[in-house]
Amino acid sequence: MILIAGMAFAAGIGLSWWHNRDTEGAPIDGLLWPDPPAVPEIALTRDDGTPFKLADLRGKWTLMFFGFTHCPDVCPTTLDLLAQVHTVLKKTPPYGTQGQVVFVSVDPERDTPAQLAQYVHYFHKDFIGVTGADSDLKPLTQALGVLFMKVAQGGPDYTVDHSAGIFFIDPAGRLVSVLTPPHTADAVIARFKAVSAFILGKS
């Protein structure tokens, strides 16, 4: 219940600014235009132990989701959905050769690279898991409007409340759309196709 309440808070409050911005003159529902925020330089760690930086987003269409491997429901459900989306979109351009799904863990205390690799690859072998210390995560989460908060559950146990949006990042490293829950595979696919077509048309 705490997790669900926190998720509602994060999605409803943390992403409301983006949602309101979406409706003001954007030609496509959910499009952050004409001034999409740029992803800042980041210094995170990939699930294979190598660095993950802004350069790893450039030249790619990225579907990004934030969570943690001990998440009981929202994260596995969303990653399973994103696996369906990834499989469908891989068959068509521009995602086919340039698309990636990045799962950002906001629980670096427990989510080691090895733990992340095992977790994300369960859903799809192509998925990329990344994390970093809170100070390393902050530039990215602040730029995207992501909220996360550690919540004690008694003793050493804890959970992490976090925003549940799916973030669409274009090959220029700009946040071009945010899809808030509840999610469906069809909605994610439709949003990507509409937004990517518009962005490519502006290139």
N, C-alpha and C. Protein backbone atom coordinates (compact mmCIF):
# COMPACT_ATOMS: atom_id res chain seq x y z
N MET A 1 0.82 -1.20 0.00
CA MET A 1 0.00 0.00 0.00
C MET A 1 0.86 1.26 0.00
N ILE A 2 1.95 1.24 0.78
CA ILE A 2 2.84 2.40 0.80
C ILE A 2 3.41 2.63 -0.59
N LEU A 3 3.82 1.55 -1.26
CA LEU A 3 4.40 1.68 -2.59
C LEU A 3 3.39 2.26 -3.56
N ILE A 4 2.15 1.74 -3.51
CA ILE A 4 1.12 2.22 -4.43
C ILE A 4 0.83 3.69 -4.19
N ALA A 5 0.74 4.07 -2.92
CA ALA A 5 0.48 5.48 -2.60
C ALA A 5 1.61 6.36 -3.08
N GLY A 6 2.83 5.88 -2.88
CA GLY A 6 3.99 6.64 -3.32
C GLY A 6 4.04 6.77 -4.82
N MET A 7 3.66 5.69 -5.51
CA MET A 7 3.65 5.73 -6.96
C MET A 7 2.64 6.74 -7.47
N ALA A 8 1.47 6.76 -6.82
CA ALA A 8 0.45 7.71 -7.22
C ALA A 8 0.92 9.14 -7.00
N PHE A 9 1.59 9.32 -5.86
CA PHE A 9 2.13 10.66 -5.57
C PHE A 9 3.16 11.07 -6.61
N ALA A 10 4.08 10.16 -6.90
CA ALA A 10 5.15 10.49 -7.85
C ALA A 10 4.60 10.75 -9.24
N ALA A 11 3.68 9.88 -9.69
CA ALA A 11 3.14 10.07 -11.04
C ALA A 11 2.24 11.29 -11.10
N GLY A 12 1.44 11.48 -10.05
CA GLY A 12 0.49 12.58 -10.07
C GLY A 12 1.10 13.93 -9.83
N ILE A 13 2.10 14.00 -8.96
CA ILE A 13 2.72 15.28 -8.63
C ILE A 13 4.00 15.50 -9.42
N GLY A 14 4.89 14.52 -9.41
CA GLY A 14 6.19 14.70 -10.06
C GLY A 14 6.09 14.85 -11.56
N LEU A 15 5.06 14.25 -12.19
CA LEU A 15 4.96 14.33 -13.64
C LEU A 15 3.85 15.26 -14.10
N SER A 16 3.13 15.87 -13.18
CA SER A 16 2.02 16.73 -13.57
C SER A 16 2.49 17.92 -14.38
N TRP A 17 3.68 18.45 -14.07
CA TRP A 17 4.20 19.60 -14.81
C TRP A 17 4.38 19.25 -16.27
N TRP A 18 4.92 18.02 -16.55
CA TRP A 18 5.09 17.61 -17.93
C TRP A 18 3.74 17.42 -18.60
N HIS A 19 2.78 16.85 -17.88
CA HIS A 19 1.47 16.60 -18.46
C HIS A 19 0.81 17.92 -18.84
N ASN A 20 0.88 18.90 -17.95
CA ASN A 20 0.28 20.19 -18.24
C ASN A 20 0.96 20.85 -19.43
N ARG A 21 2.28 20.69 -19.50
CA ARG A 21 3.01 21.28 -20.60
C ARG A 21 2.62 20.62 -21.92
N ASP A 22 2.31 19.31 -21.86
CA ASP A 22 1.95 18.57 -23.08
C ASP A 22 0.77 19.21 -23.80
N THR A 23 -0.19 19.70 -23.04
CA THR A 23 -1.46 20.11 -23.61
C THR A 23 -1.43 21.53 -24.18
N GLU A 24 -0.35 22.24 -24.03
CA GLU A 24 -0.29 23.63 -24.44
C GLU A 24 0.33 23.77 -25.83
N GLY A 25 -0.48 23.50 -26.84
CA GLY A 25 -0.05 23.76 -28.21
C GLY A 25 0.76 22.65 -28.85
N ALA A 26 0.97 21.53 -28.18
CA ALA A 26 1.73 20.43 -28.79
C ALA A 26 0.90 19.80 -29.89
N PRO A 27 1.50 19.50 -31.06
CA PRO A 27 0.74 18.92 -32.18
C PRO A 27 0.36 17.47 -31.96
N ILE A 28 0.99 16.79 -31.01
CA ILE A 28 0.71 15.39 -30.72
C ILE A 28 0.54 15.26 -29.21
N ASP A 29 -0.45 14.49 -28.80
CA ASP A 29 -0.67 14.28 -27.38
C ASP A 29 0.59 13.72 -26.73
N GLY A 30 1.03 14.36 -25.66
CA GLY A 30 2.19 13.87 -24.93
C GLY A 30 3.53 14.34 -25.44
N LEU A 31 3.54 15.15 -26.50
CA LEU A 31 4.80 15.62 -27.06
C LEU A 31 5.30 16.86 -26.32
N LEU A 32 6.54 16.82 -25.85
CA LEU A 32 7.14 17.97 -25.18
C LEU A 32 7.83 18.81 -26.25
N TRP A 33 7.11 19.76 -26.76
CA TRP A 33 7.59 20.54 -27.89
C TRP A 33 7.01 21.94 -27.80
N PRO A 34 7.74 22.97 -28.17
CA PRO A 34 8.93 23.00 -29.04
C PRO A 34 10.26 23.04 -28.30
N ASP A 35 10.24 22.91 -27.00
CA ASP A 35 11.47 23.05 -26.23
C ASP A 35 11.69 21.84 -25.34
N PRO A 36 11.94 20.66 -25.90
CA PRO A 36 12.14 19.47 -25.07
C PRO A 36 13.41 19.59 -24.24
N PRO A 37 13.34 19.23 -22.96
CA PRO A 37 14.54 19.35 -22.12
C PRO A 37 15.62 18.35 -22.53
N ALA A 38 16.85 18.78 -22.45
CA ALA A 38 17.98 17.92 -22.79
C ALA A 38 18.39 17.09 -21.58
N VAL A 39 18.73 15.85 -21.83
CA VAL A 39 19.29 15.01 -20.77
C VAL A 39 20.69 15.54 -20.46
N PRO A 40 21.02 15.76 -19.18
CA PRO A 40 22.34 16.28 -18.85
C PRO A 40 23.42 15.20 -18.96
N GLU A 41 24.65 15.61 -18.86
CA GLU A 41 25.74 14.63 -18.79
C GLU A 41 25.52 13.77 -17.56
N ILE A 42 25.67 12.47 -17.71
CA ILE A 42 25.44 11.54 -16.61
C ILE A 42 26.65 10.62 -16.46
N ALA A 43 26.78 10.08 -15.24
CA ALA A 43 27.88 9.15 -14.96
C ALA A 43 27.30 8.02 -14.11
N LEU A 44 26.73 7.03 -14.79
CA LEU A 44 26.12 5.90 -14.13
C LEU A 44 26.89 4.62 -14.47
N THR A 45 26.47 3.51 -13.87
CA THR A 45 27.15 2.23 -14.11
C THR A 45 26.18 1.26 -14.75
N ARG A 46 26.63 0.66 -15.82
CA ARG A 46 25.82 -0.28 -16.59
C ARG A 46 25.81 -1.65 -15.90
N ASP A 47 24.87 -2.52 -16.34
CA ASP A 47 24.75 -3.83 -15.69
C ASP A 47 25.94 -4.75 -15.93
N ASP A 48 26.82 -4.38 -16.86
CA ASP A 48 28.04 -5.17 -17.05
C ASP A 48 29.24 -4.53 -16.36
N GLY A 49 28.99 -3.50 -15.57
CA GLY A 49 30.04 -2.85 -14.81
C GLY A 49 30.74 -1.72 -15.53
N THR A 50 30.39 -1.48 -16.79
CA THR A 50 31.02 -0.40 -17.55
C THR A 50 30.26 0.91 -17.36
N PRO A 51 30.88 2.04 -17.66
CA PRO A 51 30.20 3.34 -17.49
C PRO A 51 29.04 3.49 -18.47
N PHE A 52 28.03 4.20 -18.03
CA PHE A 52 26.90 4.56 -18.87
C PHE A 52 26.78 6.07 -18.84
N LYS A 53 26.92 6.69 -20.01
CA LYS A 53 26.98 8.15 -20.08
C LYS A 53 25.96 8.68 -21.09
N LEU A 54 25.89 9.98 -21.20
CA LEU A 54 25.00 10.61 -22.16
C LEU A 54 25.27 10.10 -23.58
N ALA A 55 26.52 9.83 -23.88
CA ALA A 55 26.88 9.33 -25.22
C ALA A 55 26.17 8.02 -25.54
N ASP A 56 25.78 7.25 -24.52
CA ASP A 56 25.08 5.99 -24.74
C ASP A 56 23.62 6.20 -25.10
N LEU A 57 23.12 7.43 -24.96
CA LEU A 57 21.77 7.76 -25.38
C LEU A 57 21.75 8.41 -26.76
N ARG A 58 22.82 9.08 -27.10
CA ARG A 58 22.86 9.80 -28.37
C ARG A 58 22.89 8.81 -29.55
N GLY A 59 22.13 9.13 -30.57
CA GLY A 59 22.03 8.25 -31.72
C GLY A 59 21.05 7.10 -31.53
N LYS A 60 20.35 7.09 -30.37
CA LYS A 60 19.39 6.03 -30.07
C LYS A 60 18.03 6.62 -29.71
N TRP A 61 16.99 5.87 -30.01
CA TRP A 61 15.69 6.14 -29.44
C TRP A 61 15.60 5.30 -28.17
N THR A 62 15.36 5.96 -27.05
CA THR A 62 15.41 5.27 -25.76
C THR A 62 14.07 5.33 -25.05
N LEU A 63 13.60 4.18 -24.60
CA LEU A 63 12.47 4.09 -23.69
C LEU A 63 13.07 3.85 -22.31
N MET A 64 12.89 4.80 -21.40
CA MET A 64 13.54 4.73 -20.10
C MET A 64 12.49 4.60 -19.00
N PHE A 65 12.78 3.70 -18.05
CA PHE A 65 11.87 3.48 -16.93
C PHE A 65 12.70 3.41 -15.65
N PHE A 66 12.19 3.98 -14.58
CA PHE A 66 12.89 4.00 -13.30
C PHE A 66 12.21 3.07 -12.31
N GLY A 67 13.02 2.34 -11.52
CA GLY A 67 12.46 1.44 -10.54
C GLY A 67 13.55 0.76 -9.73
N PHE A 68 13.29 -0.47 -9.28
CA PHE A 68 14.28 -1.22 -8.51
C PHE A 68 13.93 -2.70 -8.56
N THR A 69 14.91 -3.53 -8.39
CA THR A 69 14.71 -4.97 -8.63
C THR A 69 13.86 -5.65 -7.57
N HIS A 70 13.74 -5.03 -6.38
CA HIS A 70 12.90 -5.62 -5.33
C HIS A 70 11.45 -5.13 -5.43
N CYS A 71 11.14 -4.37 -6.43
CA CYS A 71 9.79 -3.85 -6.65
C CYS A 71 8.82 -5.03 -6.84
N PRO A 72 7.73 -5.06 -6.06
CA PRO A 72 6.86 -6.25 -6.11
C PRO A 72 5.90 -6.32 -7.27
N ASP A 73 5.55 -5.20 -7.89
CA ASP A 73 4.50 -5.28 -8.89
C ASP A 73 4.69 -4.33 -10.08
N VAL A 74 4.81 -3.03 -9.84
CA VAL A 74 4.83 -2.06 -10.93
C VAL A 74 6.01 -2.28 -11.87
N CYS A 75 7.19 -2.50 -11.32
CA CYS A 75 8.39 -2.65 -12.16
C CYS A 75 8.33 -3.90 -13.03
N PRO A 76 8.08 -5.08 -12.46
CA PRO A 76 8.02 -6.26 -13.33
C PRO A 76 6.91 -6.18 -14.36
N THR A 77 5.77 -5.61 -13.97
CA THR A 77 4.67 -5.47 -14.92
C THR A 77 5.06 -4.56 -16.07
N THR A 78 5.70 -3.44 -15.75
CA THR A 78 6.07 -2.48 -16.79
C THR A 78 7.19 -3.02 -17.67
N LEU A 79 8.16 -3.70 -17.09
CA LEU A 79 9.25 -4.26 -17.89
C LEU A 79 8.75 -5.37 -18.80
N ASP A 80 7.79 -6.15 -18.33
CA ASP A 80 7.20 -7.18 -19.18
C ASP A 80 6.48 -6.52 -20.36
N LEU A 81 5.78 -5.43 -20.09
CA LEU A 81 5.11 -4.68 -21.15
C LEU A 81 6.12 -4.09 -22.13
N LEU A 82 7.21 -3.53 -21.60
CA LEU A 82 8.23 -2.95 -22.47
C LEU A 82 8.93 -4.01 -23.31
N ALA A 83 9.00 -5.23 -22.81
CA ALA A 83 9.56 -6.32 -23.62
C ALA A 83 8.67 -6.58 -24.83
N GLN A 84 7.35 -6.52 -24.64
CA GLN A 84 6.42 -6.67 -25.76
C GLN A 84 6.60 -5.52 -26.75
N VAL A 85 6.70 -4.31 -26.23
CA VAL A 85 6.87 -3.12 -27.06
C VAL A 85 8.16 -3.21 -27.87
N HIS A 86 9.24 -3.56 -27.18
CA HIS A 86 10.55 -3.66 -27.82
C HIS A 86 10.53 -4.67 -28.96
N THR A 87 9.89 -5.81 -28.74
CA THR A 87 9.82 -6.86 -29.75
C THR A 87 9.07 -6.37 -30.99
N VAL A 88 7.98 -5.65 -30.78
CA VAL A 88 7.19 -5.13 -31.90
C VAL A 88 7.95 -4.04 -32.65
N LEU A 89 8.49 -3.07 -31.90
CA LEU A 89 9.14 -1.93 -32.54
C LEU A 89 10.45 -2.29 -33.22
N LYS A 90 11.10 -3.37 -32.79
CA LYS A 90 12.35 -3.79 -33.43
C LYS A 90 12.13 -4.17 -34.89
N LYS A 91 10.90 -4.42 -35.27
CA LYS A 91 10.61 -4.85 -36.64
C LYS A 91 10.44 -3.69 -37.60
N THR A 92 10.41 -2.46 -37.06
CA THR A 92 10.17 -1.30 -37.92
C THR A 92 11.15 -0.17 -37.62
N PRO A 93 11.49 0.62 -38.64
CA PRO A 93 12.31 1.80 -38.40
C PRO A 93 11.44 2.90 -37.78
N PRO A 94 12.04 3.86 -37.07
CA PRO A 94 13.48 3.98 -36.83
C PRO A 94 13.96 3.19 -35.61
N TYR A 95 13.03 2.59 -34.87
CA TYR A 95 13.41 1.89 -33.64
C TYR A 95 14.24 0.64 -33.94
N GLY A 96 13.95 0.01 -35.06
CA GLY A 96 14.58 -1.27 -35.35
C GLY A 96 16.08 -1.29 -35.22
N THR A 97 16.74 -0.25 -35.72
CA THR A 97 18.20 -0.20 -35.66
C THR A 97 18.72 0.75 -34.59
N GLN A 98 17.83 1.55 -34.00
CA GLN A 98 18.28 2.58 -33.07
C GLN A 98 17.59 2.54 -31.70
N GLY A 99 16.74 1.55 -31.48
CA GLY A 99 15.94 1.54 -30.25
C GLY A 99 16.56 0.77 -29.11
N GLN A 100 16.33 1.26 -27.88
CA GLN A 100 16.80 0.56 -26.69
C GLN A 100 15.88 0.85 -25.51
N VAL A 101 15.84 -0.09 -24.60
CA VAL A 101 15.12 0.09 -23.34
C VAL A 101 16.14 0.15 -22.22
N VAL A 102 16.07 1.21 -21.42
CA VAL A 102 17.00 1.40 -20.31
C VAL A 102 16.22 1.44 -19.01
N PHE A 103 16.56 0.55 -18.11
CA PHE A 103 15.95 0.51 -16.78
C PHE A 103 16.94 1.13 -15.79
N VAL A 104 16.51 2.20 -15.13
CA VAL A 104 17.38 2.89 -14.18
C VAL A 104 16.97 2.53 -12.76
N SER A 105 17.84 1.84 -12.04
CA SER A 105 17.54 1.49 -10.66
C SER A 105 17.78 2.68 -9.73
N VAL A 106 16.79 2.97 -8.91
CA VAL A 106 16.92 4.03 -7.90
C VAL A 106 17.18 3.41 -6.52
N ASP A 107 17.70 2.19 -6.54
CA ASP A 107 18.04 1.48 -5.30
C ASP A 107 19.47 0.94 -5.40
N PRO A 108 20.46 1.85 -5.51
CA PRO A 108 21.84 1.38 -5.71
C PRO A 108 22.39 0.59 -4.53
N GLU A 109 21.78 0.76 -3.36
CA GLU A 109 22.25 0.04 -2.17
C GLU A 109 22.13 -1.47 -2.35
N ARG A 110 21.09 -1.90 -3.04
CA ARG A 110 20.87 -3.34 -3.24
C ARG A 110 21.12 -3.79 -4.67
N ASP A 111 20.93 -2.88 -5.62
CA ASP A 111 20.99 -3.27 -7.03
C ASP A 111 22.39 -3.10 -7.61
N THR A 112 23.19 -4.13 -7.41
CA THR A 112 24.53 -4.16 -7.99
C THR A 112 24.41 -4.39 -9.49
N PRO A 113 25.47 -4.15 -10.25
CA PRO A 113 25.42 -4.45 -11.68
C PRO A 113 25.02 -5.90 -11.97
N ALA A 114 25.55 -6.83 -11.20
CA ALA A 114 25.22 -8.24 -11.42
C ALA A 114 23.74 -8.51 -11.16
N GLN A 115 23.21 -7.91 -10.10
CA GLN A 115 21.79 -8.05 -9.78
C GLN A 115 20.92 -7.46 -10.89
N LEU A 116 21.34 -6.29 -11.37
CA LEU A 116 20.60 -5.62 -12.45
C LEU A 116 20.61 -6.45 -13.73
N ALA A 117 21.76 -7.01 -14.06
CA ALA A 117 21.87 -7.80 -15.28
C ALA A 117 20.93 -8.99 -15.25
N GLN A 118 20.93 -9.70 -14.14
CA GLN A 118 20.05 -10.86 -14.00
C GLN A 118 18.59 -10.45 -14.11
N TYR A 119 18.27 -9.31 -13.51
CA TYR A 119 16.88 -8.85 -13.47
C TYR A 119 16.40 -8.41 -14.85
N VAL A 120 17.09 -7.47 -15.47
CA VAL A 120 16.58 -6.93 -16.74
C VAL A 120 16.62 -7.95 -17.87
N HIS A 121 17.62 -8.82 -17.86
CA HIS A 121 17.73 -9.79 -18.94
C HIS A 121 16.68 -10.91 -18.81
N TYR A 122 16.09 -11.03 -17.65
CA TYR A 122 14.95 -11.95 -17.50
C TYR A 122 13.80 -11.51 -18.39
N PHE A 123 13.62 -10.20 -18.52
CA PHE A 123 12.52 -9.68 -19.33
C PHE A 123 12.87 -9.62 -20.81
N HIS A 124 14.10 -9.22 -21.12
CA HIS A 124 14.56 -9.23 -22.51
C HIS A 124 16.07 -9.14 -22.54
N LYS A 125 16.68 -9.92 -23.39
CA LYS A 125 18.15 -9.97 -23.45
C LYS A 125 18.75 -8.64 -23.89
N ASP A 126 17.98 -7.81 -24.59
CA ASP A 126 18.50 -6.53 -25.07
C ASP A 126 18.46 -5.42 -24.02
N PHE A 127 17.69 -5.60 -22.96
CA PHE A 127 17.48 -4.53 -22.00
C PHE A 127 18.79 -4.13 -21.32
N ILE A 128 18.89 -2.86 -21.02
CA ILE A 128 20.07 -2.32 -20.33
C ILE A 128 19.66 -1.85 -18.95
N GLY A 129 20.37 -2.30 -17.93
CA GLY A 129 20.13 -1.84 -16.56
C GLY A 129 21.27 -0.93 -16.13
N VAL A 130 20.93 0.19 -15.51
CA VAL A 130 21.96 1.11 -15.03
C VAL A 130 21.58 1.62 -13.65
N THR A 131 22.58 2.06 -12.92
CA THR A 131 22.34 2.67 -11.61
C THR A 131 23.56 3.50 -11.23
N GLY A 132 23.50 4.06 -10.05
CA GLY A 132 24.60 4.87 -9.54
C GLY A 132 24.24 5.37 -8.17
N ALA A 133 25.19 5.94 -7.48
CA ALA A 133 24.91 6.53 -6.17
C ALA A 133 23.83 7.60 -6.32
N ASP A 134 23.16 7.91 -5.23
CA ASP A 134 22.10 8.92 -5.28
C ASP A 134 22.60 10.22 -5.91
N SER A 135 23.82 10.60 -5.60
CA SER A 135 24.38 11.84 -6.14
C SER A 135 24.59 11.74 -7.66
N ASP A 136 24.82 10.52 -8.15
CA ASP A 136 24.99 10.31 -9.59
C ASP A 136 23.64 10.25 -10.31
N LEU A 137 22.64 9.74 -9.61
CA LEU A 137 21.30 9.65 -10.19
C LEU A 137 20.62 11.02 -10.26
N LYS A 138 20.96 11.89 -9.34
CA LYS A 138 20.26 13.16 -9.18
C LYS A 138 20.20 14.01 -10.45
N PRO A 139 21.30 14.20 -11.19
CA PRO A 139 21.20 15.03 -12.41
C PRO A 139 20.15 14.51 -13.39
N LEU A 140 20.08 13.19 -13.55
CA LEU A 140 19.14 12.60 -14.49
C LEU A 140 17.71 12.68 -13.96
N THR A 141 17.50 12.31 -12.71
CA THR A 141 16.14 12.31 -12.18
C THR A 141 15.58 13.73 -12.08
N GLN A 142 16.40 14.68 -11.73
CA GLN A 142 15.92 16.06 -11.65
C GLN A 142 15.57 16.59 -13.04
N ALA A 143 16.39 16.29 -14.02
CA ALA A 143 16.14 16.78 -15.38
C ALA A 143 14.85 16.20 -15.96
N LEU A 144 14.54 14.95 -15.59
CA LEU A 144 13.36 14.28 -16.14
C LEU A 144 12.13 14.43 -15.25
N GLY A 145 12.30 15.01 -14.06
CA GLY A 145 11.17 15.16 -13.15
C GLY A 145 10.79 13.89 -12.44
N VAL A 146 11.77 13.01 -12.20
CA VAL A 146 11.52 11.73 -11.55
C VAL A 146 11.68 11.88 -10.04
N LEU A 147 10.70 11.35 -9.30
CA LEU A 147 10.78 11.34 -7.85
C LEU A 147 11.04 9.92 -7.36
N PHE A 148 11.85 9.80 -6.33
CA PHE A 148 12.01 8.51 -5.67
C PHE A 148 12.37 8.74 -4.21
N MET A 149 11.90 7.84 -3.37
CA MET A 149 12.08 8.03 -1.94
C MET A 149 12.13 6.67 -1.23
N LYS A 150 13.15 6.48 -0.43
CA LYS A 150 13.30 5.26 0.35
C LYS A 150 12.30 5.28 1.51
N VAL A 151 11.59 4.17 1.71
CA VAL A 151 10.56 4.09 2.74
C VAL A 151 10.85 2.88 3.63
N ALA A 152 11.10 3.14 4.91
CA ALA A 152 11.41 2.07 5.86
C ALA A 152 10.19 1.16 6.06
N GLN A 153 10.46 -0.13 6.23
CA GLN A 153 9.39 -1.11 6.47
C GLN A 153 9.59 -1.87 7.77
N GLY A 154 10.45 -1.34 8.64
CA GLY A 154 10.73 -2.01 9.90
C GLY A 154 12.03 -2.77 9.84
N GLY A 155 12.91 -2.53 10.83
CA GLY A 155 14.21 -3.18 10.81
C GLY A 155 15.02 -2.70 9.62
N PRO A 156 15.78 -3.62 9.00
CA PRO A 156 16.60 -3.22 7.85
C PRO A 156 15.82 -3.18 6.53
N ASP A 157 14.59 -3.64 6.54
CA ASP A 157 13.82 -3.72 5.31
C ASP A 157 13.32 -2.35 4.87
N TYR A 158 13.26 -2.16 3.57
CA TYR A 158 12.73 -0.92 3.03
C TYR A 158 12.24 -1.15 1.62
N THR A 159 11.42 -0.24 1.15
CA THR A 159 11.01 -0.22 -0.24
C THR A 159 11.37 1.14 -0.82
N VAL A 160 11.11 1.34 -2.08
CA VAL A 160 11.41 2.63 -2.72
C VAL A 160 10.20 3.07 -3.53
N ASP A 161 9.63 4.20 -3.14
CA ASP A 161 8.55 4.78 -3.93
C ASP A 161 9.18 5.56 -5.08
N HIS A 162 8.59 5.46 -6.25
CA HIS A 162 9.23 6.11 -7.41
C HIS A 162 8.21 6.43 -8.49
N SER A 163 8.54 7.39 -9.34
CA SER A 163 7.70 7.74 -10.48
C SER A 163 7.58 6.54 -11.42
N ALA A 164 6.41 6.40 -12.02
CA ALA A 164 6.15 5.22 -12.85
C ALA A 164 5.96 5.56 -14.32
N GLY A 165 6.39 6.74 -14.75
CA GLY A 165 6.25 7.11 -16.15
C GLY A 165 7.26 6.39 -17.04
N ILE A 166 6.94 6.31 -18.33
CA ILE A 166 7.88 5.83 -19.34
C ILE A 166 8.36 7.06 -20.10
N PHE A 167 9.68 7.21 -20.17
CA PHE A 167 10.29 8.42 -20.72
C PHE A 167 10.86 8.12 -22.11
N PHE A 168 10.48 8.95 -23.06
CA PHE A 168 10.90 8.79 -24.46
C PHE A 168 12.02 9.79 -24.74
N ILE A 169 13.21 9.30 -25.04
CA ILE A 169 14.37 10.14 -25.30
C ILE A 169 14.80 9.94 -26.75
N ASP A 170 14.95 11.06 -27.46
CA ASP A 170 15.28 10.96 -28.89
C ASP A 170 16.78 10.85 -29.12
N PRO A 171 17.22 10.61 -30.35
CA PRO A 171 18.65 10.43 -30.61
C PRO A 171 19.52 11.64 -30.33
N ALA A 172 18.89 12.80 -30.17
CA ALA A 172 19.66 13.99 -29.81
C ALA A 172 19.82 14.12 -28.29
N GLY A 173 19.30 13.15 -27.54
CA GLY A 173 19.41 13.18 -26.08
C GLY A 173 18.42 14.13 -25.43
N ARG A 174 17.23 14.27 -26.04
CA ARG A 174 16.21 15.15 -25.50
C ARG A 174 15.01 14.33 -25.03
N LEU A 175 14.44 14.74 -23.91
CA LEU A 175 13.21 14.12 -23.43
C LEU A 175 12.06 14.67 -24.27
N VAL A 176 11.48 13.84 -25.13
CA VAL A 176 10.46 14.33 -26.06
C VAL A 176 9.04 13.93 -25.67
N SER A 177 8.91 13.01 -24.71
CA SER A 177 7.57 12.64 -24.26
C SER A 177 7.66 11.86 -22.96
N VAL A 178 6.59 11.93 -22.17
CA VAL A 178 6.46 11.13 -20.96
C VAL A 178 5.08 10.50 -20.98
N LEU A 179 5.00 9.19 -20.85
CA LEU A 179 3.73 8.49 -20.80
C LEU A 179 3.48 8.05 -19.37
N THR A 180 2.43 8.58 -18.76
CA THR A 180 2.12 8.26 -17.37
C THR A 180 1.22 7.03 -17.28
N PRO A 181 1.27 6.31 -16.16
CA PRO A 181 0.45 5.10 -16.02
C PRO A 181 -1.03 5.45 -15.88
N PRO A 182 -1.91 4.45 -16.15
CA PRO A 182 -1.63 3.05 -16.46
C PRO A 182 -1.13 2.88 -17.89
N HIS A 183 -0.25 1.90 -18.08
CA HIS A 183 0.36 1.67 -19.37
C HIS A 183 -0.25 0.48 -20.09
N THR A 184 -0.30 0.56 -21.41
CA THR A 184 -0.59 -0.60 -22.25
C THR A 184 0.46 -0.63 -23.35
N ALA A 185 0.73 -1.81 -23.87
CA ALA A 185 1.72 -1.93 -24.94
C ALA A 185 1.29 -1.13 -26.17
N ASP A 186 0.01 -1.19 -26.51
CA ASP A 186 -0.49 -0.46 -27.67
C ASP A 186 -0.29 1.04 -27.52
N ALA A 187 -0.50 1.56 -26.30
CA ALA A 187 -0.35 2.99 -26.07
C ALA A 187 1.10 3.42 -26.20
N VAL A 188 2.03 2.62 -25.69
CA VAL A 188 3.46 2.94 -25.79
C VAL A 188 3.90 2.92 -27.25
N ILE A 189 3.47 1.91 -27.99
CA ILE A 189 3.84 1.80 -29.40
C ILE A 189 3.28 2.98 -30.19
N ALA A 190 2.01 3.30 -29.95
CA ALA A 190 1.39 4.41 -30.67
C ALA A 190 2.08 5.73 -30.35
N ARG A 191 2.42 5.95 -29.08
CA ARG A 191 3.09 7.18 -28.69
C ARG A 191 4.46 7.27 -29.37
N PHE A 192 5.21 6.18 -29.36
CA PHE A 192 6.53 6.21 -29.99
C PHE A 192 6.42 6.52 -31.47
N LYS A 193 5.52 5.86 -32.17
CA LYS A 193 5.40 6.07 -33.61
C LYS A 193 5.03 7.51 -33.93
N ALA A 194 4.10 8.07 -33.17
CA ALA A 194 3.68 9.45 -33.43
C ALA A 194 4.78 10.44 -33.14
N VAL A 195 5.42 10.28 -31.98
CA VAL A 195 6.45 11.23 -31.57
C VAL A 195 7.69 11.12 -32.47
N SER A 196 8.12 9.89 -32.78
CA SER A 196 9.32 9.74 -33.60
C SER A 196 9.08 10.27 -35.02
N ALA A 197 7.89 10.05 -35.56
CA ALA A 197 7.58 10.57 -36.89
C ALA A 197 7.64 12.09 -36.90
N PHE A 198 7.12 12.69 -35.86
CA PHE A 198 7.14 14.16 -35.78
C PHE A 198 8.57 14.68 -35.65
N ILE A 199 9.35 14.09 -34.76
CA ILE A 199 10.73 14.55 -34.55
C ILE A 199 11.56 14.37 -35.82
N LEU A 200 11.41 13.24 -36.48
CA LEU A 200 12.17 13.01 -37.72
C LEU A 200 11.74 13.99 -38.80
N GLY A 201 10.48 14.35 -38.79
CA GLY A 201 10.01 15.32 -39.77
C GLY A 201 10.57 16.71 -39.54
N LYS A 202 11.01 16.97 -38.29
CA LYS A 202 11.59 18.27 -37.96
C LYS A 202 13.10 18.27 -38.14
N SER A 203 13.70 17.12 -38.36
CA SER A 203 15.16 17.02 -38.46
C SER A 203 15.67 17.58 -39.78
